[in-house]
Amino acid sequence: MRGLIQGRQDYGAVAFGMNAVLATPVPMRSDYRPLLVEIVKFFQTGVPPVQPDETLEIMAFMEAADLSRARGGAPVALAEVTREK
């Protein structure tokens, strides 16, 4: 993630993968200031802006989506990818 403190207020991102490095081709025009404020606050305080239970639910949703895709779009219950079995 990058951003300028003064001057142009463009934001961008770079993702480093196993086989490639991807960057936003042009600066993104979205306002990421609220996100950046929360990131900085987290680094300063050590208190995450999202509760652990919610984070685990988000991760389970993404894992279920990947499993659904691998199964050709079949539905996957969150309980299947969590300890709630």
PDB file of N, CA and C in Angstrom:
ATOM      1  N   MET A   1       0.859  -1.157   0.000  1.00  0.00           N
ATOM      2  CA  MET A   1       0.000   0.000   0.000  1.00  0.00           C
ATOM      3  C   MET A   1       0.906   1.219   0.000  1.00  0.00           C
ATOM      4  N   ARG A   2       0.529   2.190  -0.742  1.00  0.00           N
ATOM      5  CA  ARG A   2       1.328   3.413  -0.775  1.00  0.00           C
ATOM      6  C   ARG A   2       0.399   4.608  -0.808  1.00  0.00           C
ATOM      7  N   GLY A   3       0.915   5.724  -0.347  1.00  0.00           N
ATOM      8  CA  GLY A   3       0.148   6.960  -0.371  1.00  0.00           C
ATOM      9  C   GLY A   3       1.079   8.127  -0.111  1.00  0.00           C
ATOM     10  N   LEU A   4       0.735   9.259  -0.615  1.00  0.00           N
ATOM     11  CA  LEU A   4       1.551  10.453  -0.442  1.00  0.00           C
ATOM     12  C   LEU A   4       0.996  11.299   0.697  1.00  0.00           C
ATOM     13  N   ILE A   5       1.888  11.845   1.502  1.00  0.00           N
ATOM     14  CA  ILE A   5       1.462  12.687   2.613  1.00  0.00           C
ATOM     15  C   ILE A   5       1.064  14.063   2.111  1.00  0.00           C
ATOM     16  N   GLN A   6       1.822  14.610   1.172  1.00  0.00           N
ATOM     17  CA  GLN A   6       1.521  15.932   0.632  1.00  0.00           C
ATOM     18  C   GLN A   6       1.375  15.837  -0.881  1.00  0.00           C
ATOM     19  N   GLY A   7       0.730  16.822  -1.442  1.00  0.00           N
ATOM     20  CA  GLY A   7       0.565  16.857  -2.896  1.00  0.00           C
ATOM     21  C   GLY A   7      -0.604  15.999  -3.332  1.00  0.00           C
ATOM     22  N   ARG A   8      -0.449  15.326  -4.457  1.00  0.00           N
ATOM     23  CA  ARG A   8      -1.505  14.466  -4.980  1.00  0.00           C
ATOM     24  C   ARG A   8      -1.897  13.422  -3.957  1.00  0.00           C
ATOM     25  N   GLN A   9      -3.163  13.182  -3.852  1.00  0.00           N
ATOM     26  CA  GLN A   9      -3.656  12.211  -2.872  1.00  0.00           C
ATOM     27  C   GLN A   9      -4.119  10.927  -3.557  1.00  0.00           C
ATOM     28  N   ASP A  10      -3.256  10.334  -4.362  1.00  0.00           N
ATOM     29  CA  ASP A  10      -3.567   9.070  -5.012  1.00  0.00           C
ATOM     30  C   ASP A  10      -3.108   7.924  -4.118  1.00  0.00           C
ATOM     31  N   TYR A  11      -3.794   6.807  -4.234  1.00  0.00           N
ATOM     32  CA  TYR A  11      -3.432   5.612  -3.489  1.00  0.00           C
ATOM     33  C   TYR A  11      -3.263   4.483  -4.487  1.00  0.00           C
ATOM     34  N   GLY A  12      -2.488   3.500  -4.109  1.00  0.00           N
ATOM     35  CA  GLY A  12      -2.299   2.344  -4.972  1.00  0.00           C
ATOM     36  C   GLY A  12      -1.960   1.139  -4.134  1.00  0.00           C
ATOM     37  N   ALA A  13      -1.785   0.005  -4.793  1.00  0.00           N
ATOM     38  CA  ALA A  13      -1.464  -1.225  -4.080  1.00  0.00           C
ATOM     39  C   ALA A  13      -0.552  -2.075  -4.944  1.00  0.00           C
ATOM     40  N   VAL A  14       0.272  -2.878  -4.280  1.00  0.00           N
ATOM     41  CA  VAL A  14       1.129  -3.840  -4.944  1.00  0.00           C
ATOM     42  C   VAL A  14       0.947  -5.168  -4.218  1.00  0.00           C
ATOM     43  N   ALA A  15       0.742  -6.247  -4.960  1.00  0.00           N
ATOM     44  CA  ALA A  15       0.604  -7.583  -4.386  1.00  0.00           C
ATOM     45  C   ALA A  15       1.759  -8.439  -4.879  1.00  0.00           C
ATOM     46  N   PHE A  16       2.469  -9.056  -3.949  1.00  0.00           N
ATOM     47  CA  PHE A  16       3.598  -9.916  -4.283  1.00  0.00           C
ATOM     48  C   PHE A  16       3.142 -11.366  -4.178  1.00  0.00           C
ATOM     49  N   GLY A  17       3.151 -12.071  -5.307  1.00  0.00           N
ATOM     50  CA  GLY A  17       2.738 -13.464  -5.334  1.00  0.00           C
ATOM     51  C   GLY A  17       3.909 -14.384  -5.623  1.00  0.00           C
ATOM     52  N   MET A  18       3.643 -15.675  -5.648  1.00  0.00           N
ATOM     53  CA  MET A  18       4.683 -16.671  -5.918  1.00  0.00           C
ATOM     54  C   MET A  18       5.234 -16.533  -7.336  1.00  0.00           C
ATOM     55  N   ASN A  19       4.361 -16.164  -8.285  1.00  0.00           N
ATOM     56  CA  ASN A  19       4.764 -16.135  -9.683  1.00  0.00           C
ATOM     57  C   ASN A  19       4.726 -14.753 -10.322  1.00  0.00           C
ATOM     58  N   ALA A  20       4.238 -13.768  -9.599  1.00  0.00           N
ATOM     59  CA  ALA A  20       4.106 -12.448 -10.208  1.00  0.00           C
ATOM     60  C   ALA A  20       3.969 -11.369  -9.141  1.00  0.00           C
ATOM     61  N   VAL A  21       4.229 -10.157  -9.575  1.00  0.00           N
ATOM     62  CA  VAL A  21       3.993  -8.975  -8.754  1.00  0.00           C
ATOM     63  C   VAL A  21       2.977  -8.136  -9.514  1.00  0.00           C
ATOM     64  N   LEU A  22       1.858  -7.835  -8.864  1.00  0.00           N
ATOM     65  CA  LEU A  22       0.801  -7.069  -9.514  1.00  0.00           C
ATOM     66  C   LEU A  22       0.666  -5.724  -8.831  1.00  0.00           C
ATOM     67  N   ALA A  23       0.535  -4.673  -9.634  1.00  0.00           N
ATOM     68  CA  ALA A  23       0.355  -3.327  -9.094  1.00  0.00           C
ATOM     69  C   ALA A  23      -0.820  -2.675  -9.805  1.00  0.00           C
ATOM     70  N   THR A  24      -1.462  -1.752  -9.114  1.00  0.00           N
ATOM     71  CA  THR A  24      -2.538  -1.012  -9.764  1.00  0.00           C
ATOM     72  C   THR A  24      -1.905  -0.227 -10.906  1.00  0.00           C
ATOM     73  N   PRO A  25      -2.438  -0.347 -12.127  1.00  0.00           N
ATOM     74  CA  PRO A  25      -1.819   0.306 -13.282  1.00  0.00           C
ATOM     75  C   PRO A  25      -1.859   1.831 -13.207  1.00  0.00           C
ATOM     76  N   VAL A  26      -2.894   2.349 -12.592  1.00  0.00           N
ATOM     77  CA  VAL A  26      -3.013   3.799 -12.389  1.00  0.00           C
ATOM     78  C   VAL A  26      -3.462   3.980 -10.953  1.00  0.00           C
ATOM     79  N   PRO A  27      -3.193   5.122 -10.360  1.00  0.00           N
ATOM     80  CA  PRO A  27      -3.639   5.322  -8.979  1.00  0.00           C
ATOM     81  C   PRO A  27      -5.137   5.100  -8.841  1.00  0.00           C
ATOM     82  N   MET A  28      -5.519   4.413  -7.772  1.00  0.00           N
ATOM     83  CA  MET A  28      -6.930   4.173  -7.508  1.00  0.00           C
ATOM     84  C   MET A  28      -7.579   5.478  -7.053  1.00  0.00           C
ATOM     85  N   ARG A  29      -8.816   5.675  -7.402  1.00  0.00           N
ATOM     86  CA  ARG A  29      -9.499   6.920  -7.088  1.00  0.00           C
ATOM     87  C   ARG A  29     -10.398   6.807  -5.850  1.00  0.00           C
ATOM     88  N   SER A  30     -10.471   5.640  -5.246  1.00  0.00           N
ATOM     89  CA  SER A  30     -11.316   5.466  -4.066  1.00  0.00           C
ATOM     90  C   SER A  30     -10.702   6.155  -2.859  1.00  0.00           C
ATOM     91  N   ASP A  31     -11.537   6.489  -1.905  1.00  0.00           N
ATOM     92  CA  ASP A  31     -11.056   7.130  -0.693  1.00  0.00           C
ATOM     93  C   ASP A  31     -10.752   6.058   0.349  1.00  0.00           C
ATOM     94  N   TYR A  32      -9.487   5.764   0.552  1.00  0.00           N
ATOM     95  CA  TYR A  32      -9.058   4.751   1.506  1.00  0.00           C
ATOM     96  C   TYR A  32      -8.642   5.362   2.840  1.00  0.00           C
ATOM     97  N   ARG A  33      -8.885   6.638   3.022  1.00  0.00           N
ATOM     98  CA  ARG A  33      -8.473   7.293   4.264  1.00  0.00           C
ATOM     99  C   ARG A  33      -9.036   6.603   5.512  1.00  0.00           C
ATOM    100  N   PRO A  34     -10.335   6.274   5.565  1.00  0.00           N
ATOM    101  CA  PRO A  34     -10.848   5.603   6.770  1.00  0.00           C
ATOM    102  C   PRO A  34     -10.134   4.272   7.051  1.00  0.00           C
ATOM    103  N   LEU A  35      -9.845   3.525   6.011  1.00  0.00           N
ATOM    104  CA  LEU A  35      -9.115   2.267   6.176  1.00  0.00           C
ATOM    105  C   LEU A  35      -7.717   2.522   6.718  1.00  0.00           C
ATOM    106  N   LEU A  36      -7.028   3.498   6.146  1.00  0.00           N
ATOM    107  CA  LEU A  36      -5.669   3.800   6.579  1.00  0.00           C
ATOM    108  C   LEU A  36      -5.647   4.300   8.024  1.00  0.00           C
ATOM    109  N   VAL A  37      -6.639   5.067   8.414  1.00  0.00           N
ATOM    110  CA  VAL A  37      -6.726   5.538   9.802  1.00  0.00           C
ATOM    111  C   VAL A  37      -6.813   4.347  10.753  1.00  0.00           C
ATOM    112  N   GLU A  38      -7.642   3.364  10.402  1.00  0.00           N
ATOM    113  CA  GLU A  38      -7.787   2.172  11.252  1.00  0.00           C
ATOM    114  C   GLU A  38      -6.510   1.340  11.283  1.00  0.00           C
ATOM    115  N   ILE A  39      -5.808   1.243  10.151  1.00  0.00           N
ATOM    116  CA  ILE A  39      -4.545   0.499  10.104  1.00  0.00           C
ATOM    117  C   ILE A  39      -3.521   1.157  11.011  1.00  0.00           C
ATOM    118  N   VAL A  40      -3.387   2.467  10.921  1.00  0.00           N
ATOM    119  CA  VAL A  40      -2.423   3.194  11.756  1.00  0.00           C
ATOM    120  C   VAL A  40      -2.801   3.054  13.233  1.00  0.00           C
ATOM    121  N   LYS A  41      -4.093   3.189  13.537  1.00  0.00           N
ATOM    122  CA  LYS A  41      -4.547   3.050  14.928  1.00  0.00           C
ATOM    123  C   LYS A  41      -4.198   1.653  15.465  1.00  0.00           C
ATOM    124  N   PHE A  42      -4.379   0.633  14.629  1.00  0.00           N
ATOM    125  CA  PHE A  42      -4.046  -0.731  15.038  1.00  0.00           C
ATOM    126  C   PHE A  42      -2.555  -0.864  15.339  1.00  0.00           C
ATOM    127  N   PHE A  43      -1.711  -0.308  14.472  1.00  0.00           N
ATOM    128  CA  PHE A  43      -0.270  -0.380  14.709  1.00  0.00           C
ATOM    129  C   PHE A  43       0.135   0.376  15.969  1.00  0.00           C
ATOM    130  N   GLN A  44      -0.565   1.449  16.272  1.00  0.00           N
ATOM    131  CA  GLN A  44      -0.238   2.244  17.456  1.00  0.00           C
ATOM    132  C   GLN A  44      -0.720   1.607  18.750  1.00  0.00           C
ATOM    133  N   THR A  45      -1.894   0.978  18.722  1.00  0.00           N
ATOM    134  CA  THR A  45      -2.498   0.465  19.948  1.00  0.00           C
ATOM    135  C   THR A  45      -2.413  -1.046  20.110  1.00  0.00           C
ATOM    136  N   GLY A  46      -2.291  -1.755  18.997  1.00  0.00           N
ATOM    137  CA  GLY A  46      -2.317  -3.212  19.050  1.00  0.00           C
ATOM    138  C   GLY A  46      -3.726  -3.776  19.172  1.00  0.00           C
ATOM    139  N   VAL A  47      -4.734  -2.908  19.175  1.00  0.00           N
ATOM    140  CA  VAL A  47      -6.129  -3.342  19.281  1.00  0.00           C
ATOM    141  C   VAL A  47      -6.723  -3.427  17.876  1.00  0.00           C
ATOM    142  N   PRO A  48      -7.130  -4.622  17.433  1.00  0.00           N
ATOM    143  CA  PRO A  48      -7.669  -4.753  16.078  1.00  0.00           C
ATOM    144  C   PRO A  48      -9.021  -4.068  15.940  1.00  0.00           C
ATOM    145  N   PRO A  49      -9.308  -3.479  14.763  1.00  0.00           N
ATOM    146  CA  PRO A  49     -10.585  -2.798  14.551  1.00  0.00           C
ATOM    147  C   PRO A  49     -11.746  -3.758  14.333  1.00  0.00           C
ATOM    148  N   VAL A  50     -11.440  -5.029  14.132  1.00  0.00           N
ATOM    149  CA  VAL A  50     -12.462  -6.051  13.910  1.00  0.00           C
ATOM    150  C   VAL A  50     -12.264  -7.133  14.972  1.00  0.00           C
ATOM    151  N   GLN A  51     -13.348  -7.558  15.591  1.00  0.00           N
ATOM    152  CA  GLN A  51     -13.275  -8.573  16.637  1.00  0.00           C
ATOM    153  C   GLN A  51     -12.817  -9.913  16.051  1.00  0.00           C
ATOM    154  N   PRO A  52     -12.074 -10.715  16.819  1.00  0.00           N
ATOM    155  CA  PRO A  52     -11.576 -11.998  16.326  1.00  0.00           C
ATOM    156  C   PRO A  52     -12.671 -12.908  15.770  1.00  0.00           C
ATOM    157  N   ASP A  53     -13.838 -12.968  16.418  1.00  0.00           N
ATOM    158  CA  ASP A  53     -14.922 -13.825  15.916  1.00  0.00           C
ATOM    159  C   ASP A  53     -15.366 -13.414  14.518  1.00  0.00           C
ATOM    160  N   GLU A  54     -15.448 -12.100  14.289  1.00  0.00           N
ATOM    161  CA  GLU A  54     -15.851 -11.612  12.975  1.00  0.00           C
ATOM    162  C   GLU A  54     -14.778 -11.928  11.934  1.00  0.00           C
ATOM    163  N   THR A  55     -13.512 -11.783  12.322  1.00  0.00           N
ATOM    164  CA  THR A  55     -12.414 -12.112  11.413  1.00  0.00           C
ATOM    165  C   THR A  55     -12.471 -13.586  11.021  1.00  0.00           C
ATOM    166  N   LEU A  56     -12.705 -14.463  11.997  1.00  0.00           N
ATOM    167  CA  LEU A  56     -12.792 -15.901  11.698  1.00  0.00           C
ATOM    168  C   LEU A  56     -13.977 -16.206  10.787  1.00  0.00           C
ATOM    169  N   GLU A  57     -15.084 -15.503  10.973  1.00  0.00           N
ATOM    170  CA  GLU A  57     -16.250 -15.713  10.108  1.00  0.00           C
ATOM    171  C   GLU A  57     -15.953 -15.279   8.670  1.00  0.00           C
ATOM    172  N   ILE A  58     -15.240 -14.174   8.517  1.00  0.00           N
ATOM    173  CA  ILE A  58     -14.851 -13.708   7.176  1.00  0.00           C
ATOM    174  C   ILE A  58     -13.947 -14.738   6.513  1.00  0.00           C
ATOM    175  N   MET A  59     -12.984 -15.252   7.269  1.00  0.00           N
ATOM    176  CA  MET A  59     -12.061 -16.258   6.722  1.00  0.00           C
ATOM    177  C   MET A  59     -12.817 -17.533   6.335  1.00  0.00           C
ATOM    178  N   ALA A  60     -13.770 -17.953   7.176  1.00  0.00           N
ATOM    179  CA  ALA A  60     -14.569 -19.139   6.871  1.00  0.00           C
ATOM    180  C   ALA A  60     -15.391 -18.920   5.606  1.00  0.00           C
ATOM    181  N   PHE A  61     -15.954 -17.720   5.445  1.00  0.00           N
ATOM    182  CA  PHE A  61     -16.723 -17.416   4.239  1.00  0.00           C
ATOM    183  C   PHE A  61     -15.843 -17.540   2.993  1.00  0.00           C
ATOM    184  N   MET A  62     -14.631 -16.984   3.058  1.00  0.00           N
ATOM    185  CA  MET A  62     -13.737 -17.062   1.891  1.00  0.00           C
ATOM    186  C   MET A  62     -13.317 -18.500   1.613  1.00  0.00           C
ATOM    187  N   GLU A  63     -13.062 -19.271   2.669  1.00  0.00           N
ATOM    188  CA  GLU A  63     -12.705 -20.676   2.469  1.00  0.00           C
ATOM    189  C   GLU A  63     -13.874 -21.455   1.867  1.00  0.00           C
ATOM    190  N   ALA A  64     -15.084 -21.183   2.341  1.00  0.00           N
ATOM    191  CA  ALA A  64     -16.265 -21.840   1.790  1.00  0.00           C
ATOM    192  C   ALA A  64     -16.468 -21.457   0.328  1.00  0.00           C
ATOM    193  N   ALA A  65     -16.196 -20.204  -0.012  1.00  0.00           N
ATOM    194  CA  ALA A  65     -16.321 -19.770  -1.412  1.00  0.00           C
ATOM    195  C   ALA A  65     -15.325 -20.505  -2.299  1.00  0.00           C
ATOM    196  N   ASP A  66     -14.086 -20.662  -1.818  1.00  0.00           N
ATOM    197  CA  ASP A  66     -13.083 -21.408  -2.590  1.00  0.00           C
ATOM    198  C   ASP A  66     -13.502 -22.867  -2.761  1.00  0.00           C
ATOM    199  N   LEU A  67     -14.013 -23.467  -1.692  1.00  0.00           N
ATOM    200  CA  LEU A  67     -14.458 -24.859  -1.757  1.00  0.00           C
ATOM    201  C   LEU A  67     -15.643 -24.999  -2.709  1.00  0.00           C
ATOM    202  N   SER A  68     -16.567 -24.040  -2.675  1.00  0.00           N
ATOM    203  CA  SER A  68     -17.707 -24.051  -3.587  1.00  0.00           C
ATOM    204  C   SER A  68     -17.235 -23.984  -5.038  1.00  0.00           C
ATOM    205  N   ARG A  69     -16.280 -23.114  -5.302  1.00  0.00           N
ATOM    206  CA  ARG A  69     -15.742 -23.006  -6.666  1.00  0.00           C
ATOM    207  C   ARG A  69     -15.112 -24.330  -7.102  1.00  0.00           C
ATOM    208  N   ALA A  70     -14.356 -24.953  -6.185  1.00  0.00           N
ATOM    209  CA  ALA A  70     -13.711 -26.236  -6.508  1.00  0.00           C
ATOM    210  C   ALA A  70     -14.740 -27.320  -6.778  1.00  0.00           C
ATOM    211  N   ARG A  71     -15.924 -27.182  -6.208  1.00  0.00           N
ATOM    212  CA  ARG A  71     -17.005 -28.161  -6.390  1.00  0.00           C
ATOM    213  C   ARG A  71     -17.971 -27.750  -7.499  1.00  0.00           C
ATOM    214  N   GLY A  72     -17.540 -26.840  -8.332  1.00  0.00           N
ATOM    215  CA  GLY A  72     -18.369 -26.430  -9.463  1.00  0.00           C
ATOM    216  C   GLY A  72     -19.536 -25.543  -9.082  1.00  0.00           C
ATOM    217  N   GLY A  73     -19.422 -24.815  -7.987  1.00  0.00           N
ATOM    218  CA  GLY A  73     -20.481 -23.900  -7.574  1.00  0.00           C
ATOM    219  C   GLY A  73     -21.470 -24.483  -6.591  1.00  0.00           C
ATOM    220  N   ALA A  74     -21.203 -25.687  -6.100  1.00  0.00           N
ATOM    221  CA  ALA A  74     -22.116 -26.302  -5.130  1.00  0.00           C
ATOM    222  C   ALA A  74     -22.121 -25.504  -3.825  1.00  0.00           C
ATOM    223  N   PRO A  75     -23.265 -25.424  -3.163  1.00  0.00           N
ATOM    224  CA  PRO A  75     -23.327 -24.704  -1.888  1.00  0.00           C
ATOM    225  C   PRO A  75     -22.426 -25.346  -0.836  1.00  0.00           C
ATOM    226  N   VAL A  76     -21.815 -24.513  -0.001  1.00  0.00           N
ATOM    227  CA  VAL A  76     -20.978 -24.981   1.107  1.00  0.00           C
ATOM    228  C   VAL A  76     -21.405 -24.221   2.355  1.00  0.00           C
ATOM    229  N   ALA A  77     -21.796 -24.951   3.384  1.00  0.00           N
ATOM    230  CA  ALA A  77     -22.198 -24.334   4.644  1.00  0.00           C
ATOM    231  C   ALA A  77     -20.952 -23.876   5.405  1.00  0.00           C
ATOM    232  N   LEU A  78     -21.040 -22.749   6.093  1.00  0.00           N
ATOM    233  CA  LEU A  78     -19.905 -22.267   6.884  1.00  0.00           C
ATOM    234  C   LEU A  78     -19.494 -23.295   7.925  1.00  0.00           C
ATOM    235  N   ALA A  79     -20.460 -24.032   8.466  1.00  0.00           N
ATOM    236  CA  ALA A  79     -20.154 -25.052   9.478  1.00  0.00           C
ATOM    237  C   ALA A  79     -19.214 -26.126   8.917  1.00  0.00           C
ATOM    238  N   GLU A  80     -19.232 -26.324   7.621  1.00  0.00           N
ATOM    239  CA  GLU A  80     -18.354 -27.333   7.007  1.00  0.00           C
ATOM    240  C   GLU A  80     -16.881 -26.930   7.068  1.00  0.00           C
ATOM    241  N   VAL A  81     -16.616 -25.647   7.130  1.00  0.00           N
ATOM    242  CA  VAL A  81     -15.216 -25.175   7.146  1.00  0.00           C
ATOM    243  C   VAL A  81     -14.804 -24.606   8.504  1.00  0.00           C
ATOM    244  N   THR A  82     -15.671 -24.771   9.504  1.00  0.00           N
ATOM    245  CA  THR A  82     -15.336 -24.303  10.850  1.00  0.00           C
ATOM    246  C   THR A  82     -15.403 -25.477  11.811  1.00  0.00           C
ATOM    247  N   ARG A  83     -15.122 -25.214  13.050  1.00  0.00           N
ATOM    248  CA  ARG A  83     -15.163 -26.254  14.091  1.00  0.00           C
ATOM    249  C   ARG A  83     -16.578 -26.505  14.590  1.00  0.00           C
ATOM    250  N   GLU A  84     -17.572 -25.858  14.017  1.00  0.00           N
ATOM    251  CA  GLU A  84     -18.971 -26.000  14.456  1.00  0.00           C
ATOM    252  C   GLU A  84     -19.620 -27.278  13.933  1.00  0.00           C
ATOM    253  N   LYS A  85     -18.858 -28.191  13.431  1.00  0.00           N
ATOM    254  CA  LYS A  85     -19.416 -29.406  12.797  1.00  0.00           C
ATOM    255  C   LYS A  85     -20.156 -30.270  13.776  1.00  0.00           C
TER     256      LYS A  85
END
